[in-house]
Structures are given as C-alpha cells and as structure tokens.
Amino acid sequence: MNNLFLLLFLVSILALVVGLIKPDLVLRWIPEAKRNRKKAAMYFGSAIVAFFILFGITVDPVEEQVAGVQQAEAEEETDGEAEREAAEEAEREAAEEAEREAAEEAEREAAEEAEREAAEEAEREAAEEAEREAAEKAEREAAEEAEREAAEEAEREAVEEAERVAAEEAEREAAEEAERVAAENAGTASQQQAVGMAENYLDYTAFSKSGLIEQLEFEGFSNTDAAYAVEQISVDWKEQAVKSAENYLEFTPFSKSGLIEQLEFEGFSNADAAYAVEQIGADWREQAVKAAENYLEFTPFSRSGLIEQLEFEGYSNADATYAVDAVGL
C-alpha cells in the first residue's frame, strides 16, 4: 500500500507541474472558464500533502524488520543441526554401501561369465541372420526401385496438375483484386464526407496525420473512413508540424526540447517535430524570459529555484540564467 501512495504522490507532483504550465490539460472536470493555475495549485498541492502523509503512515515499522532478523538467525541454527544429522546418516549409509558393493561384485562376475557365453551364441546367430537379411535386402531394393519410379511418375503428374490449378486460381484472384481496388478507389459516401471534413480542418489549423484521424473519429467517422480520408488528401506533414509549432509559440513559451515533445504528443514524428523547431527560427532565450515572467506572475521563486525550473522545462543553463537575469532576480 505504501508503494501505491508513493506513486500517487509522484503523479500529483507531475500533475501540479503540468497544471502550472497548462491548466487545461489537467483540470478537464471543471468549466473551462475556471481552469487556471491557482486552481491547479490548490487541487494538486493538497493531493501532494495528503499522499505524502499516507505514505508515511503505511511504511513498515522497524520492529517488524528486527523480528525478521531474529527469525532468520533461529532458522540458521535449525539448519546447522539438520546438517550434522545428515552427515551422520551419510556415514552410516556409506558403510552399508560398501557391504552391498562387495556382494554385488561377486554377483556381477557370475553374470559376466553368463553374458560372455550368451554373446558367443548371439554372434553366431547374427552371422546367419546377416546372410539372410542380405538376400532379403536385394529383393526389397528391387521392389522399392520399381515403386519409386512409379511414385515419381505420379508425383510429376500431380505437380503439373497443381501448377495448372494454381495458375487458374492466381488469374481469378488478380481479376477479383482489380475489381476490389477499383471499388475502393471510388470511396463510399461516408469516406467522401470524411475527405471533405479533413480538408476543412486543414484550412484553418494544423494537424499531425494521427491527430487528424483522431479528430475525424471524434466527429463520428469510423477509423476506416478517417484513415481513408487522410490518405486521399495531399498534405505536407512537415509543414503541418511547422504551423503547429508556430501556433503554440503564439500563446505560450516553450524550450526547444519542450516544443519537440509537445509536437510528438500531438502525433508528429520525432523527425517532423525536430524539422519544425528548426524552421520556425525561435529565439530560445526570449522564450526562456517569457517562461520566467509567467512563473513569477503566480508564484515566488528564488534565483536558483527559477533557474532549476527553467532547466526542468528543457532550457539550457545558459538560457535559464539569461532569463533570470532579464527578469531581475
């Protein structure tokens, strides 16, 4: 249970940090107008304190650990007594084993003599059996050769028949596939509607490929129709990543790595996200200054604390230090 409370404590810390940056992501259960950083601090700050106290209450006491050590020592003493008794038993068994081996040696010598005589008789019978088997083998090989030739002829005919059937089947499947592809390319009415809506969305905002499919599914289209629509439209996903990056920087500051992670969260590939961040020409120091100003608007920071917070957001130490200097800390 203490592990569960520790996990909830850590999750609450993460939610608090995300809520201070973007309250809309973690306060979805309250009206949008009331989603703000103060609400996030109030909810998740309380959760952090509560889960920390519960974690402290559920940690195993020291007395239980001491009892476990004492029990282990008692078990070691019991194991030592068992080992001594086992050694005495082994010594007694060794003496009995020596007596038994002497009796077995005499019995084995008698058995070996009997086996030698039996081996001589078997050798003589084996020679006679070998001669008989050689004659039978020659006869059998002749019969097998005749059967093999007949089987090869039958197999060859079967292969030719199978090839003919396979060719006919392949030809029929190719015709069916051509008909199916032609039908798919035409698209259903629902798919055509999905294409139109996908184009409309891209006219006023940027989407990743997976993000656009999810949006179409949210609008009620099936996954099949949504995927069909996205494949039918002509889109430069790298350019969409650039537009999305510019949109984010219009309303909140980001570090370079933070913006890449946000774009990946929106469904862009790492390559497209990295390309977009390089194309927008952002001044990351200026972004760090804006982030520092945002933090100071709703909570106080020491100089070192604000630098650490900015570094946590992905800014370099140099950019974080520059931002703190710029805001006057």
Foldseek 3Di string as FASTA:
>chain_A
DLVVLVVQLVVLVVQLLVLLAPQCVNPVVDDPVPRHNVVSCVVSVVSNVVSVVVSVVPPDDPVVVVVVVVVVVVVVVVVVVVVVVVVVVVVVVVVVVVVVVVVVVVVVVVVVVVVVVVVVVVVVVVVVVVVVVVVVVVVVVVVVVVVVVVVVVVVVVVVVVVVVVVVVVVVVVVVVVVVVVVVPVVPDPLLVVLLVVLVVVVVPAAAALVLQLVVSVVVPRDSVSSNSNSVPDDDDRLVSLLRNLVVVVVPAFAALVLQLVVSVVRPDDSVSNNSNSVPNPDDRLVSLLRVLVSVVVPDDDDLVRQLVSSVVRPDDSVSNNSSSVVVPD
